[in-house]
Amino acid sequence: MRVCIFASSSSRINSKYADAAIELGVLLSRAGTEVVFGGGGIGLMGKIADTIIENNGTITGVIPSFMKDQGWDHSHVNEMIITSDMGDRKKQMFAMADAIVALPGGVGTLEELTEAITLKQLGLFRGPVIILNTLNFYKSLTDFFEHMVSENFLRNEHKAIWEIAATPEEVMTLLAKKDNWLFDPIKIAKI
């Protein structure tokens, strides 16, 4: 299994977020799970990459050329794929992924997570989409998703697109379970 990790590039965050990223990296490595991530060398992206490498895991970075030119890439990952732009980066990451795990992050991470949800809603991505809700980081977002359902912008069935994990151990449990998403989600994509 190859898991795509979306995560913050900020290095100015509460250390408990980094602790959770490190713990997840250890668990993924021990499970023999390959990881693909945004290629960054700092923040939660850097922590997950460092941990995978330190634990002899396999991690592939995908980064746009302009970010590499700025020196924002992680220099020790197993493989670094350079893309022409941000859109190609995401397209490549989704194509490589069997599952998506979103750690806390900023607007880039939010945009990646919501695209994963959209692709799964349309049947264009079929794997698990897991939100690691460290320190209840995503509570406002999941409340907003509930509001979308209550106002009929999403179907109640769409809440099964994503799963919430409070801890890295819960992420691993969710990755191990068989995906129960709809056989033909396009039938309910139209509200």
C-alpha atoms as a PDB file:
ATOM      1  CA  MET A   1       0.000   0.000   0.000  1.00  0.00           C
ATOM      2  CA  ARG A   2       1.154   3.520  -0.764  1.00  0.00           C
ATOM      3  CA  VAL A   3      -0.218   6.326   1.398  1.00  0.00           C
ATOM      4  CA  CYS A   4      -0.214   9.948   0.314  1.00  0.00           C
ATOM      5  CA  ILE A   5       0.406  12.320   3.218  1.00  0.00           C
ATOM      6  CA  PHE A   6      -0.765  15.917   3.043  1.00  0.00           C
ATOM      7  CA  ALA A   7       0.711  18.048   5.830  1.00  0.00           C
ATOM      8  CA  SER A   8       1.894  21.461   6.925  1.00  0.00           C
ATOM      9  CA  SER A   9       5.178  23.002   5.888  1.00  0.00           C
ATOM     10  CA  SER A  10       5.134  25.362   8.876  1.00  0.00           C
ATOM     11  CA  SER A  11       7.881  24.918  11.442  1.00  0.00           C
ATOM     12  CA  ARG A  12       6.263  27.349  13.901  1.00  0.00           C
ATOM     13  CA  ILE A  13       3.565  25.032  15.218  1.00  0.00           C
ATOM     14  CA  ASN A  14       2.851  23.305  18.531  1.00  0.00           C
ATOM     15  CA  SER A  15       5.308  20.435  19.027  1.00  0.00           C
ATOM     16  CA  LYS A  16       2.417  18.017  19.685  1.00  0.00           C
ATOM     17  CA  TYR A  17       1.580  18.148  15.973  1.00  0.00           C
ATOM     18  CA  ALA A  18       5.170  17.153  15.177  1.00  0.00           C
ATOM     19  CA  ASP A  19       5.025  14.373  17.780  1.00  0.00           C
ATOM     20  CA  ALA A  20       1.957  12.911  16.057  1.00  0.00           C
ATOM     21  CA  ALA A  21       3.624  13.149  12.627  1.00  0.00           C
ATOM     22  CA  ILE A  22       6.718  11.375  13.966  1.00  0.00           C
ATOM     23  CA  GLU A  23       4.598   8.658  15.574  1.00  0.00           C
ATOM     24  CA  LEU A  24       2.697   8.145  12.324  1.00  0.00           C
ATOM     25  CA  GLY A  25       5.966   7.951  10.397  1.00  0.00           C
ATOM     26  CA  VAL A  26       7.256   5.236  12.731  1.00  0.00           C
ATOM     27  CA  LEU A  27       4.017   3.243  12.419  1.00  0.00           C
ATOM     28  CA  LEU A  28       3.924   3.526   8.627  1.00  0.00           C
ATOM     29  CA  SER A  29       7.569   2.448   8.374  1.00  0.00           C
ATOM     30  CA  ARG A  30       7.081  -0.536  10.660  1.00  0.00           C
ATOM     31  CA  ALA A  31       4.055  -1.604   8.618  1.00  0.00           C
ATOM     32  CA  GLY A  32       6.079  -1.472   5.401  1.00  0.00           C
ATOM     33  CA  THR A  33       3.775   1.180   3.988  1.00  0.00           C
ATOM     34  CA  GLU A  34       5.239   3.310   1.217  1.00  0.00           C
ATOM     35  CA  VAL A  35       4.637   7.036   1.562  1.00  0.00           C
ATOM     36  CA  VAL A  36       4.320   9.794  -1.016  1.00  0.00           C
ATOM     37  CA  PHE A  37       4.292  13.394   0.181  1.00  0.00           C
ATOM     38  CA  GLY A  38       4.705  16.973  -1.035  1.00  0.00           C
ATOM     39  CA  GLY A  39       8.492  16.835  -0.946  1.00  0.00           C
ATOM     40  CA  GLY A  40       9.082  19.581   1.607  1.00  0.00           C
ATOM     41  CA  GLY A  41      11.938  19.527   4.081  1.00  0.00           C
ATOM     42  CA  ILE A  42      10.369  21.474   6.968  1.00  0.00           C
ATOM     43  CA  GLY A  43       7.245  21.428   9.110  1.00  0.00           C
ATOM     44  CA  LEU A  44       5.181  18.283   9.406  1.00  0.00           C
ATOM     45  CA  MET A  45       6.251  17.291   5.891  1.00  0.00           C
ATOM     46  CA  GLY A  46       9.877  17.331   7.004  1.00  0.00           C
ATOM     47  CA  LYS A  47       9.097  15.456  10.220  1.00  0.00           C
ATOM     48  CA  ILE A  48       7.261  12.649   8.463  1.00  0.00           C
ATOM     49  CA  ALA A  49      10.019  12.328   5.845  1.00  0.00           C
ATOM     50  CA  ASP A  50      12.823  12.360   8.426  1.00  0.00           C
ATOM     51  CA  THR A  51      11.047   9.699  10.467  1.00  0.00           C
ATOM     52  CA  ILE A  52      10.358   7.417   7.499  1.00  0.00           C
ATOM     53  CA  ILE A  53      14.007   7.667   6.438  1.00  0.00           C
ATOM     54  CA  GLU A  54      15.328   7.083   9.992  1.00  0.00           C
ATOM     55  CA  ASN A  55      13.148   3.965  10.224  1.00  0.00           C
ATOM     56  CA  ASN A  56      14.289   2.556   6.867  1.00  0.00           C
ATOM     57  CA  GLY A  57      10.939   3.191   5.211  1.00  0.00           C
ATOM     58  CA  THR A  58      10.252   4.209   1.633  1.00  0.00           C
ATOM     59  CA  ILE A  59       9.184   7.765   0.887  1.00  0.00           C
ATOM     60  CA  THR A  60       8.782   9.595  -2.405  1.00  0.00           C
ATOM     61  CA  GLY A  61       8.538  13.366  -2.622  1.00  0.00           C
ATOM     62  CA  VAL A  62       6.630  15.219  -5.325  1.00  0.00           C
ATOM     63  CA  ILE A  63       7.513  18.887  -5.610  1.00  0.00           C
ATOM     64  CA  PRO A  64       7.079  21.627  -8.230  1.00  0.00           C
ATOM     65  CA  SER A  65      10.285  22.885  -9.825  1.00  0.00           C
ATOM     66  CA  PHE A  66       9.839  26.413  -8.427  1.00  0.00           C
ATOM     67  CA  MET A  67       9.828  25.022  -4.856  1.00  0.00           C
ATOM     68  CA  LYS A  68      12.916  22.940  -5.549  1.00  0.00           C
ATOM     69  CA  ASP A  69      14.603  26.024  -7.017  1.00  0.00           C
ATOM     70  CA  GLN A  70      13.878  27.814  -3.713  1.00  0.00           C
ATOM     71  CA  GLY A  71      15.531  24.978  -1.781  1.00  0.00           C
ATOM     72  CA  TRP A  72      12.295  23.896  -0.091  1.00  0.00           C
ATOM     73  CA  ASP A  73      12.719  20.224  -0.988  1.00  0.00           C
ATOM     74  CA  HIS A  74      13.775  17.437   1.362  1.00  0.00           C
ATOM     75  CA  SER A  75      17.226  16.349   0.251  1.00  0.00           C
ATOM     76  CA  HIS A  76      17.252  12.759   1.549  1.00  0.00           C
ATOM     77  CA  VAL A  77      14.040  11.078   0.403  1.00  0.00           C
ATOM     78  CA  ASN A  78      14.258   7.832  -1.577  1.00  0.00           C
ATOM     79  CA  GLU A  79      12.991   9.532  -4.730  1.00  0.00           C
ATOM     80  CA  MET A  80      12.041  13.100  -5.621  1.00  0.00           C
ATOM     81  CA  ILE A  81       9.707  13.719  -8.543  1.00  0.00           C
ATOM     82  CA  ILE A  82       9.847  17.250  -9.946  1.00  0.00           C
ATOM     83  CA  THR A  83       6.659  18.592 -11.527  1.00  0.00           C
ATOM     84  CA  SER A  84       5.995  21.688 -13.606  1.00  0.00           C
ATOM     85  CA  ASP A  85       3.458  23.215 -11.220  1.00  0.00           C
ATOM     86  CA  MET A  86       1.186  22.662  -8.197  1.00  0.00           C
ATOM     87  CA  GLY A  87      -1.602  21.089 -10.257  1.00  0.00           C
ATOM     88  CA  ASP A  88       0.734  18.494 -11.758  1.00  0.00           C
ATOM     89  CA  ARG A  89       2.110  17.823  -8.269  1.00  0.00           C
ATOM     90  CA  LYS A  90      -1.338  16.932  -6.906  1.00  0.00           C
ATOM     91  CA  LYS A  91      -2.243  14.919  -9.995  1.00  0.00           C
ATOM     92  CA  GLN A  92       0.947  12.875  -9.593  1.00  0.00           C
ATOM     93  CA  MET A  93       0.387  12.352  -5.862  1.00  0.00           C
ATOM     94  CA  PHE A  94      -3.210  11.190  -6.337  1.00  0.00           C
ATOM     95  CA  ALA A  95      -2.165   8.839  -9.144  1.00  0.00           C
ATOM     96  CA  MET A  96       0.427   7.216  -6.878  1.00  0.00           C
ATOM     97  CA  ALA A  97      -1.838   6.867  -3.825  1.00  0.00           C
ATOM     98  CA  ASP A  98      -3.904   3.986  -2.513  1.00  0.00           C
ATOM     99  CA  ALA A  99      -4.993   6.088   0.474  1.00  0.00           C
ATOM    100  CA  ILE A 100      -4.864   9.712   1.606  1.00  0.00           C
ATOM    101  CA  VAL A 101      -3.991  10.894   5.116  1.00  0.00           C
ATOM    102  CA  ALA A 102      -4.276  14.601   5.924  1.00  0.00           C
ATOM    103  CA  LEU A 103      -2.324  15.872   8.912  1.00  0.00           C
ATOM    104  CA  PRO A 104      -2.919  19.376  10.250  1.00  0.00           C
ATOM    105  CA  GLY A 105      -1.869  22.093   7.849  1.00  0.00           C
ATOM    106  CA  GLY A 106      -2.646  25.417   6.237  1.00  0.00           C
ATOM    107  CA  VAL A 107      -4.616  26.337   3.145  1.00  0.00           C
ATOM    108  CA  GLY A 108      -2.475  24.126   0.890  1.00  0.00           C
ATOM    109  CA  THR A 109      -3.244  21.073   2.993  1.00  0.00           C
ATOM    110  CA  LEU A 110      -6.908  22.074   3.171  1.00  0.00           C
ATOM    111  CA  GLU A 111      -7.057  22.405  -0.603  1.00  0.00           C
ATOM    112  CA  GLU A 112      -5.434  18.980  -1.067  1.00  0.00           C
ATOM    113  CA  LEU A 113      -7.808  17.361   1.436  1.00  0.00           C
ATOM    114  CA  THR A 114     -10.919  18.858  -0.117  1.00  0.00           C
ATOM    115  CA  GLU A 115      -9.780  17.792  -3.588  1.00  0.00           C
ATOM    116  CA  ALA A 116      -9.327  14.246  -2.278  1.00  0.00           C
ATOM    117  CA  ILE A 117     -12.877  14.354  -0.892  1.00  0.00           C
ATOM    118  CA  THR A 118     -14.200  15.724  -4.198  1.00  0.00           C
ATOM    119  CA  LEU A 119     -12.408  13.060  -6.246  1.00  0.00           C
ATOM    120  CA  LYS A 120     -13.791  10.328  -4.019  1.00  0.00           C
ATOM    121  CA  GLN A 121     -17.300  11.821  -4.198  1.00  0.00           C
ATOM    122  CA  LEU A 122     -17.054  11.585  -7.990  1.00  0.00           C
ATOM    123  CA  GLY A 123     -15.616   8.064  -7.964  1.00  0.00           C
ATOM    124  CA  LEU A 124     -12.257   9.246  -9.338  1.00  0.00           C
ATOM    125  CA  PHE A 125     -10.382   8.146  -6.212  1.00  0.00           C
ATOM    126  CA  ARG A 126     -11.540   5.050  -4.347  1.00  0.00           C
ATOM    127  CA  GLY A 127      -9.160   4.693  -1.401  1.00  0.00           C
ATOM    128  CA  PRO A 128      -9.555   5.808   2.196  1.00  0.00           C
ATOM    129  CA  VAL A 129      -9.414   9.531   2.974  1.00  0.00           C
ATOM    130  CA  ILE A 130      -8.339   9.866   6.599  1.00  0.00           C
ATOM    131  CA  ILE A 131      -8.098  13.085   8.587  1.00  0.00           C
ATOM    132  CA  LEU A 132      -5.630  12.960  11.497  1.00  0.00           C
ATOM    133  CA  ASN A 133      -7.356  15.272  13.938  1.00  0.00           C
ATOM    134  CA  THR A 134      -4.434  15.954  16.314  1.00  0.00           C
ATOM    135  CA  LEU A 135      -5.475  18.307  19.151  1.00  0.00           C
ATOM    136  CA  ASN A 136      -8.928  18.466  17.513  1.00  0.00           C
ATOM    137  CA  PHE A 137      -7.374  20.615  14.766  1.00  0.00           C
ATOM    138  CA  TYR A 138     -10.039  19.798  12.173  1.00  0.00           C
ATOM    139  CA  LYS A 139     -13.113  20.211  14.407  1.00  0.00           C
ATOM    140  CA  SER A 140     -14.252  23.438  12.719  1.00  0.00           C
ATOM    141  CA  LEU A 141     -13.880  21.832   9.300  1.00  0.00           C
ATOM    142  CA  THR A 142     -15.800  18.695  10.220  1.00  0.00           C
ATOM    143  CA  ASP A 143     -18.487  20.881  11.800  1.00  0.00           C
ATOM    144  CA  PHE A 144     -18.652  22.775   8.509  1.00  0.00           C
ATOM    145  CA  PHE A 145     -18.996  19.485   6.616  1.00  0.00           C
ATOM    146  CA  GLU A 146     -21.949  18.653   8.903  1.00  0.00           C
ATOM    147  CA  HIS A 147     -23.422  22.070   8.074  1.00  0.00           C
ATOM    148  CA  MET A 148     -23.044  21.308   4.350  1.00  0.00           C
ATOM    149  CA  VAL A 149     -25.016  18.099   4.906  1.00  0.00           C
ATOM    150  CA  SER A 150     -27.712  19.810   6.992  1.00  0.00           C
ATOM    151  CA  GLU A 151     -28.150  22.460   4.276  1.00  0.00           C
ATOM    152  CA  ASN A 152     -28.256  19.790   1.525  1.00  0.00           C
ATOM    153  CA  PHE A 153     -24.999  20.763  -0.182  1.00  0.00           C
ATOM    154  CA  LEU A 154     -23.780  17.227   0.544  1.00  0.00           C
ATOM    155  CA  ARG A 155     -25.774  14.051   0.988  1.00  0.00           C
ATOM    156  CA  ASN A 156     -25.699  12.296   4.329  1.00  0.00           C
ATOM    157  CA  GLU A 157     -24.030   9.366   2.513  1.00  0.00           C
ATOM    158  CA  HIS A 158     -21.132  11.657   1.580  1.00  0.00           C
ATOM    159  CA  LYS A 159     -20.009  11.729   5.206  1.00  0.00           C
ATOM    160  CA  ALA A 160     -18.638   8.229   4.586  1.00  0.00           C
ATOM    161  CA  ILE A 161     -16.090   9.675   2.142  1.00  0.00           C
ATOM    162  CA  TRP A 162     -13.721  10.704   4.927  1.00  0.00           C
ATOM    163  CA  GLU A 163     -12.843   9.192   8.272  1.00  0.00           C
ATOM    164  CA  ILE A 164     -11.513  10.959  11.349  1.00  0.00           C
ATOM    165  CA  ALA A 165      -8.647   9.598  13.428  1.00  0.00           C
ATOM    166  CA  ALA A 166      -7.681  11.181  16.752  1.00  0.00           C
ATOM    167  CA  THR A 167      -4.324   9.400  16.914  1.00  0.00           C
ATOM    168  CA  PRO A 168      -1.732   7.886  14.575  1.00  0.00           C
ATOM    169  CA  GLU A 169      -2.744   4.420  15.850  1.00  0.00           C
ATOM    170  CA  GLU A 170      -6.303   5.093  14.693  1.00  0.00           C
ATOM    171  CA  VAL A 171      -4.948   6.099  11.272  1.00  0.00           C
ATOM    172  CA  MET A 172      -3.282   2.692  10.997  1.00  0.00           C
ATOM    173  CA  THR A 173      -6.486   0.914  12.045  1.00  0.00           C
ATOM    174  CA  LEU A 174      -8.470   2.826   9.412  1.00  0.00           C
ATOM    175  CA  LEU A 175      -5.860   2.078   6.729  1.00  0.00           C
ATOM    176  CA  ALA A 176      -6.119  -1.636   7.517  1.00  0.00           C
ATOM    177  CA  LYS A 177      -9.894  -1.849   7.239  1.00  0.00           C
ATOM    178  CA  LYS A 178     -11.585  -2.600   3.976  1.00  0.00           C
ATOM    179  CA  ASP A 179     -12.967   0.470   2.254  1.00  0.00           C
ATOM    180  CA  ASN A 180     -16.750   0.464   2.342  1.00  0.00           C
ATOM    181  CA  TRP A 181     -17.378   3.412   0.034  1.00  0.00           C
ATOM    182  CA  LEU A 182     -20.161   3.102  -2.496  1.00  0.00           C
ATOM    183  CA  PHE A 183     -19.703   0.825  -5.479  1.00  0.00           C
ATOM    184  CA  ASP A 184     -20.889   3.548  -7.856  1.00  0.00           C
ATOM    185  CA  PRO A 185     -20.605   6.929  -6.097  1.00  0.00           C
ATOM    186  CA  ILE A 186     -21.390   8.873  -9.269  1.00  0.00           C
ATOM    187  CA  LYS A 187     -25.049   7.826  -8.832  1.00  0.00           C
ATOM    188  CA  ILE A 188     -25.321  10.079  -5.766  1.00  0.00           C
ATOM    189  CA  ALA A 189     -22.808  12.784  -6.787  1.00  0.00           C
ATOM    190  CA  LYS A 190     -25.642  14.939  -8.098  1.00  0.00           C
ATOM    191  CA  ILE A 191     -27.647  16.337  -5.190  1.00  0.00           C
END
